[in-house]
Amino acid sequence: ILDGRCWTMPTLANGKIYARNAKGTLVCVDVAQKKTVALAEMGTAPVEQPAWPRWKGIKQDNISTETGLMKQWPEQGPAMLWQYEGLGEGFASVSVADGRIYTVGMVNKEGFLTCLDMNGKLVWKVSYGPEWSGSVPGVRGTPTLDGDKVYVISGVGKVFCFNAADGNEIWQKNPFTEFGG
């Protein structure tokens, strides 16, 4: 589903697999089991969308509670729903919460936090400053969602808190200068 180096752990959320390569392309493939009767026709209330709000999942145990997934991989592979290019270099996975997708990438040695909607369309993208540009350059950390906040740890050690709705920075800390790290 992707070309190039793909060292990033894929994310499973909402019956979809989100995977990215080191150059900054993110793809979304559908692995939900196809239903022949629509939920609305059965009178079933919509269920809460599963989330993957941080690296290693909700409980940080790499266990997904999703059901209704394909029982067998199709011969031609799962349906590609969308592709987003331009995240920037790196090895960050994605976090999914409240109908949005968050990840980070590096462009010209600068880190960017990107927020996409569930259709792979850009909602907002913000810079958080220098990223790791030494050996094997690129971002390393996956954003963490907690309520209405997104947390990012840069490859140079800074910790950031952003508003999940609009990407505005709430605060940042440098543990090396502020805490003797």
C-alpha atoms as a PDB file:
ATOM      1  CA  ILE A   1       0.000   0.000   0.000  1.00  0.00           C
ATOM      2  CA  LEU A   2       3.072   2.259   0.303  1.00  0.00           C
ATOM      3  CA  ASP A   3       6.431   2.634  -1.389  1.00  0.00           C
ATOM      4  CA  GLY A   4       9.732   3.369   0.310  1.00  0.00           C
ATOM      5  CA  ARG A   5      10.844   2.846   3.902  1.00  0.00           C
ATOM      6  CA  CYS A   6       7.926   2.031   6.199  1.00  0.00           C
ATOM      7  CA  TRP A   7       9.213   1.665   9.771  1.00  0.00           C
ATOM      8  CA  THR A   8       6.133   3.160  11.376  1.00  0.00           C
ATOM      9  CA  MET A   9       3.614   1.020  13.252  1.00  0.00           C
ATOM     10  CA  PRO A  10       0.242   1.155  11.493  1.00  0.00           C
ATOM     11  CA  THR A  11      -2.809   2.295  13.439  1.00  0.00           C
ATOM     12  CA  LEU A  12      -6.169   0.481  13.455  1.00  0.00           C
ATOM     13  CA  ALA A  13      -9.183   2.634  14.245  1.00  0.00           C
ATOM     14  CA  ASN A  14     -12.757   2.790  12.974  1.00  0.00           C
ATOM     15  CA  GLY A  15     -12.335  -0.285  10.765  1.00  0.00           C
ATOM     16  CA  LYS A  16      -9.456   1.370   8.931  1.00  0.00           C
ATOM     17  CA  ILE A  17      -5.700   0.935   8.895  1.00  0.00           C
ATOM     18  CA  TYR A  18      -3.624   4.113   8.750  1.00  0.00           C
ATOM     19  CA  ALA A  19      -0.041   3.588   7.584  1.00  0.00           C
ATOM     20  CA  ARG A  20       2.735   5.982   6.603  1.00  0.00           C
ATOM     21  CA  ASN A  21       6.163   5.871   5.064  1.00  0.00           C
ATOM     22  CA  ALA A  22       9.315   7.729   6.112  1.00  0.00           C
ATOM     23  CA  LYS A  23       8.893  10.350   3.355  1.00  0.00           C
ATOM     24  CA  GLY A  24       5.561  11.549   4.763  1.00  0.00           C
ATOM     25  CA  THR A  25       2.815   9.810   2.815  1.00  0.00           C
ATOM     26  CA  LEU A  26      -0.151   8.566   4.853  1.00  0.00           C
ATOM     27  CA  VAL A  27      -2.682   6.085   3.468  1.00  0.00           C
ATOM     28  CA  CYS A  28      -5.995   4.821   4.782  1.00  0.00           C
ATOM     29  CA  VAL A  29      -7.315   1.366   3.856  1.00  0.00           C
ATOM     30  CA  ASP A  30     -10.694  -0.101   4.741  1.00  0.00           C
ATOM     31  CA  VAL A  31     -10.596  -3.388   6.681  1.00  0.00           C
ATOM     32  CA  ALA A  32     -14.180  -3.315   7.964  1.00  0.00           C
ATOM     33  CA  GLN A  33     -16.279  -6.358   7.242  1.00  0.00           C
ATOM     34  CA  LYS A  34     -18.864  -5.413   4.647  1.00  0.00           C
ATOM     35  CA  LYS A  35     -22.469  -5.522   5.849  1.00  0.00           C
ATOM     36  CA  THR A  36     -25.353  -6.328   3.536  1.00  0.00           C
ATOM     37  CA  VAL A  37     -27.925  -4.479   5.666  1.00  0.00           C
ATOM     38  CA  ALA A  38     -27.350  -0.885   6.717  1.00  0.00           C
ATOM     39  CA  LEU A  39     -27.403  -0.184  10.461  1.00  0.00           C
ATOM     40  CA  ALA A  40     -30.139   2.401   9.957  1.00  0.00           C
ATOM     41  CA  GLU A  41     -32.332  -0.252   8.323  1.00  0.00           C
ATOM     42  CA  MET A  42     -31.875  -2.493  11.382  1.00  0.00           C
ATOM     43  CA  GLY A  43     -32.860   0.337  13.732  1.00  0.00           C
ATOM     44  CA  THR A  44     -29.484   0.176  15.471  1.00  0.00           C
ATOM     45  CA  ALA A  45     -28.236   3.355  17.098  1.00  0.00           C
ATOM     46  CA  PRO A  46     -24.837   4.582  15.934  1.00  0.00           C
ATOM     47  CA  VAL A  47     -21.987   3.310  18.082  1.00  0.00           C
ATOM     48  CA  GLU A  48     -19.137   5.406  19.415  1.00  0.00           C
ATOM     49  CA  GLN A  49     -16.176   5.472  17.051  1.00  0.00           C
ATOM     50  CA  PRO A  50     -13.197   3.535  18.363  1.00  0.00           C
ATOM     51  CA  ALA A  51     -10.158   5.665  19.038  1.00  0.00           C
ATOM     52  CA  TRP A  52      -6.411   5.168  19.079  1.00  0.00           C
ATOM     53  CA  PRO A  53      -5.415   8.358  20.914  1.00  0.00           C
ATOM     54  CA  ARG A  54      -1.747   7.561  21.529  1.00  0.00           C
ATOM     55  CA  TRP A  55       1.070   5.269  20.543  1.00  0.00           C
ATOM     56  CA  LYS A  56       0.187   1.670  21.483  1.00  0.00           C
ATOM     57  CA  GLY A  57      -3.532   2.471  21.824  1.00  0.00           C
ATOM     58  CA  ILE A  58      -6.043   3.394  24.475  1.00  0.00           C
ATOM     59  CA  LYS A  59      -4.460   1.385  27.299  1.00  0.00           C
ATOM     60  CA  GLN A  60      -0.947   1.457  25.782  1.00  0.00           C
ATOM     61  CA  ASP A  61      -1.001  -2.334  25.411  1.00  0.00           C
ATOM     62  CA  ASN A  62      -1.241  -2.536  21.583  1.00  0.00           C
ATOM     63  CA  ILE A  63      -4.626  -4.252  21.886  1.00  0.00           C
ATOM     64  CA  SER A  64      -7.512  -3.038  19.764  1.00  0.00           C
ATOM     65  CA  THR A  65     -11.055  -3.773  20.910  1.00  0.00           C
ATOM     66  CA  GLU A  66     -12.466  -3.310  17.421  1.00  0.00           C
ATOM     67  CA  THR A  67     -14.871  -5.860  16.023  1.00  0.00           C
ATOM     68  CA  GLY A  68     -16.507  -6.252  12.635  1.00  0.00           C
ATOM     69  CA  LEU A  69     -13.209  -6.473  10.758  1.00  0.00           C
ATOM     70  CA  MET A  70     -12.467  -8.560   7.665  1.00  0.00           C
ATOM     71  CA  LYS A  71     -12.061 -12.242   8.398  1.00  0.00           C
ATOM     72  CA  GLN A  72      -9.805 -12.712   5.380  1.00  0.00           C
ATOM     73  CA  TRP A  73      -7.559 -10.311   3.467  1.00  0.00           C
ATOM     74  CA  PRO A  74      -8.899  -9.838  -0.087  1.00  0.00           C
ATOM     75  CA  GLU A  75      -6.672 -11.180  -2.856  1.00  0.00           C
ATOM     76  CA  GLN A  76      -6.340  -7.682  -4.342  1.00  0.00           C
ATOM     77  CA  GLY A  77      -5.822  -6.165  -0.883  1.00  0.00           C
ATOM     78  CA  PRO A  78      -8.140  -3.889   1.097  1.00  0.00           C
ATOM     79  CA  ALA A  79      -9.772  -0.873  -0.528  1.00  0.00           C
ATOM     80  CA  MET A  80      -7.599   2.250  -0.479  1.00  0.00           C
ATOM     81  CA  LEU A  81      -9.836   5.064   0.766  1.00  0.00           C
ATOM     82  CA  TRP A  82      -7.429   7.975   0.533  1.00  0.00           C
ATOM     83  CA  GLN A  83      -3.803   9.102   0.520  1.00  0.00           C
ATOM     84  CA  TYR A  84      -2.279  12.261   1.997  1.00  0.00           C
ATOM     85  CA  GLU A  85       1.174  13.419   0.932  1.00  0.00           C
ATOM     86  CA  GLY A  86       3.342  16.062   2.535  1.00  0.00           C
ATOM     87  CA  LEU A  87       3.408  15.165   6.237  1.00  0.00           C
ATOM     88  CA  GLY A  88       7.177  15.480   6.232  1.00  0.00           C
ATOM     89  CA  GLU A  89       9.895  12.974   7.064  1.00  0.00           C
ATOM     90  CA  GLY A  90       9.692  10.734  10.034  1.00  0.00           C
ATOM     91  CA  PHE A  91       8.640   7.612  11.820  1.00  0.00           C
ATOM     92  CA  ALA A  92       5.643   8.820  13.836  1.00  0.00           C
ATOM     93  CA  SER A  93       2.474   6.797  13.753  1.00  0.00           C
ATOM     94  CA  VAL A  94      -0.957   8.435  13.877  1.00  0.00           C
ATOM     95  CA  SER A  95      -3.370   9.039  16.726  1.00  0.00           C
ATOM     96  CA  VAL A  96      -7.107   8.967  16.071  1.00  0.00           C
ATOM     97  CA  ALA A  97      -9.723  10.564  18.328  1.00  0.00           C
ATOM     98  CA  ASP A  98     -13.006  12.445  18.029  1.00  0.00           C
ATOM     99  CA  GLY A  99     -13.191  12.058  14.259  1.00  0.00           C
ATOM    100  CA  ARG A 100      -9.705  13.417  13.578  1.00  0.00           C
ATOM    101  CA  ILE A 101      -6.268  12.047  12.730  1.00  0.00           C
ATOM    102  CA  TYR A 102      -3.060  13.558  14.170  1.00  0.00           C
ATOM    103  CA  THR A 103       0.586  12.950  13.289  1.00  0.00           C
ATOM    104  CA  VAL A 104       3.901  14.773  13.018  1.00  0.00           C
ATOM    105  CA  GLY A 105       6.531  15.145  10.312  1.00  0.00           C
ATOM    106  CA  MET A 106       9.686  17.111   9.540  1.00  0.00           C
ATOM    107  CA  VAL A 107      10.088  19.557   6.649  1.00  0.00           C
ATOM    108  CA  ASN A 108      13.409  21.403   6.270  1.00  0.00           C
ATOM    109  CA  LYS A 109      14.510  20.417   9.824  1.00  0.00           C
ATOM    110  CA  GLU A 110      11.278  21.845  11.279  1.00  0.00           C
ATOM    111  CA  GLY A 111       8.605  19.736  13.017  1.00  0.00           C
ATOM    112  CA  PHE A 112       4.947  20.016  12.052  1.00  0.00           C
ATOM    113  CA  LEU A 113       1.856  18.669  13.800  1.00  0.00           C
ATOM    114  CA  THR A 114      -0.830  17.851  11.227  1.00  0.00           C
ATOM    115  CA  CYS A 115      -4.538  17.301  11.824  1.00  0.00           C
ATOM    116  CA  LEU A 116      -6.674  15.600   9.153  1.00  0.00           C
ATOM    117  CA  ASP A 117     -10.352  14.775   9.058  1.00  0.00           C
ATOM    118  CA  MET A 118     -11.486  11.169   8.604  1.00  0.00           C
ATOM    119  CA  ASN A 119     -11.526  11.669   4.812  1.00  0.00           C
ATOM    120  CA  GLY A 120      -7.827  12.594   4.738  1.00  0.00           C
ATOM    121  CA  LYS A 121      -8.439  16.324   4.247  1.00  0.00           C
ATOM    122  CA  LEU A 122      -6.232  18.849   6.014  1.00  0.00           C
ATOM    123  CA  VAL A 123      -7.910  20.535   8.997  1.00  0.00           C
ATOM    124  CA  TRP A 124      -4.817  22.384  10.257  1.00  0.00           C
ATOM    125  CA  LYS A 125      -1.017  22.113  10.339  1.00  0.00           C
ATOM    126  CA  VAL A 126       1.294  23.920  12.777  1.00  0.00           C
ATOM    127  CA  SER A 127       5.046  24.177  13.249  1.00  0.00           C
ATOM    128  CA  TYR A 128       6.586  23.389  16.618  1.00  0.00           C
ATOM    129  CA  GLY A 129      10.207  24.244  15.745  1.00  0.00           C
ATOM    130  CA  PRO A 130      13.404  22.246  15.245  1.00  0.00           C
ATOM    131  CA  GLU A 131      13.296  18.459  14.898  1.00  0.00           C
ATOM    132  CA  TRP A 132      15.936  15.750  14.942  1.00  0.00           C
ATOM    133  CA  SER A 133      18.144  16.201  11.869  1.00  0.00           C
ATOM    134  CA  GLY A 134      21.140  14.048  12.860  1.00  0.00           C
ATOM    135  CA  SER A 135      21.591  10.448  11.770  1.00  0.00           C
ATOM    136  CA  VAL A 136      18.394   9.080  10.213  1.00  0.00           C
ATOM    137  CA  PRO A 137      16.589  12.453  10.371  1.00  0.00           C
ATOM    138  CA  GLY A 138      12.872  12.769  11.004  1.00  0.00           C
ATOM    139  CA  VAL A 139      10.289  12.772  13.753  1.00  0.00           C
ATOM    140  CA  ARG A 140      10.089   9.903  16.219  1.00  0.00           C
ATOM    141  CA  GLY A 141       7.156  10.559  18.573  1.00  0.00           C
ATOM    142  CA  THR A 142       3.477   9.956  17.944  1.00  0.00           C
ATOM    143  CA  PRO A 143       1.108  12.669  19.218  1.00  0.00           C
ATOM    144  CA  THR A 144      -0.950  11.861  22.323  1.00  0.00           C
ATOM    145  CA  LEU A 145      -4.580  12.992  22.637  1.00  0.00           C
ATOM    146  CA  ASP A 146      -6.195  13.645  25.988  1.00  0.00           C
ATOM    147  CA  GLY A 147      -9.558  15.351  25.882  1.00  0.00           C
ATOM    148  CA  ASP A 148      -9.243  18.563  23.896  1.00  0.00           C
ATOM    149  CA  LYS A 149      -5.423  18.624  23.987  1.00  0.00           C
ATOM    150  CA  VAL A 150      -2.680  17.161  21.766  1.00  0.00           C
ATOM    151  CA  TYR A 151       0.789  16.528  23.227  1.00  0.00           C
ATOM    152  CA  VAL A 152       3.974  16.241  21.174  1.00  0.00           C
ATOM    153  CA  ILE A 153       7.546  15.468  22.209  1.00  0.00           C
ATOM    154  CA  SER A 154      10.036  16.679  19.606  1.00  0.00           C
ATOM    155  CA  GLY A 155      13.179  14.825  18.617  1.00  0.00           C
ATOM    156  CA  VAL A 156      15.230  17.520  20.356  1.00  0.00           C
ATOM    157  CA  GLY A 157      13.427  16.994  23.659  1.00  0.00           C
ATOM    158  CA  LYS A 158      10.841  19.780  23.839  1.00  0.00           C
ATOM    159  CA  VAL A 159       7.322  18.955  25.043  1.00  0.00           C
ATOM    160  CA  PHE A 160       4.340  20.793  23.546  1.00  0.00           C
ATOM    161  CA  CYS A 161       0.626  21.043  24.288  1.00  0.00           C
ATOM    162  CA  PHE A 162      -1.767  22.149  21.531  1.00  0.00           C
ATOM    163  CA  ASN A 163      -5.505  22.758  21.319  1.00  0.00           C
ATOM    164  CA  ALA A 164      -6.924  19.792  19.365  1.00  0.00           C
ATOM    165  CA  ALA A 165      -9.645  21.922  17.748  1.00  0.00           C
ATOM    166  CA  ASP A 166      -7.445  24.517  16.045  1.00  0.00           C
ATOM    167  CA  GLY A 167      -3.773  23.636  16.635  1.00  0.00           C
ATOM    168  CA  ASN A 168      -3.056  26.700  18.754  1.00  0.00           C
ATOM    169  CA  GLU A 169      -0.137  26.147  21.117  1.00  0.00           C
ATOM    170  CA  ILE A 170      -1.154  26.145  24.787  1.00  0.00           C
ATOM    171  CA  TRP A 171       2.311  25.666  26.304  1.00  0.00           C
ATOM    172  CA  GLN A 172       5.776  24.239  25.727  1.00  0.00           C
ATOM    173  CA  LYS A 173       8.523  23.049  28.047  1.00  0.00           C
ATOM    174  CA  ASN A 174      12.193  22.347  27.495  1.00  0.00           C
ATOM    175  CA  PRO A 175      13.285  19.763  30.097  1.00  0.00           C
ATOM    176  CA  PHE A 176      16.970  20.401  29.323  1.00  0.00           C
ATOM    177  CA  THR A 177      16.915  24.101  30.153  1.00  0.00           C
ATOM    178  CA  GLU A 178      13.982  24.260  32.584  1.00  0.00           C
ATOM    179  CA  PHE A 179      14.528  21.106  34.623  1.00  0.00           C
ATOM    180  CA  GLY A 180      18.232  20.257  34.168  1.00  0.00           C
ATOM    181  CA  GLY A 181      17.400  17.233  31.976  1.00  0.00           C
END
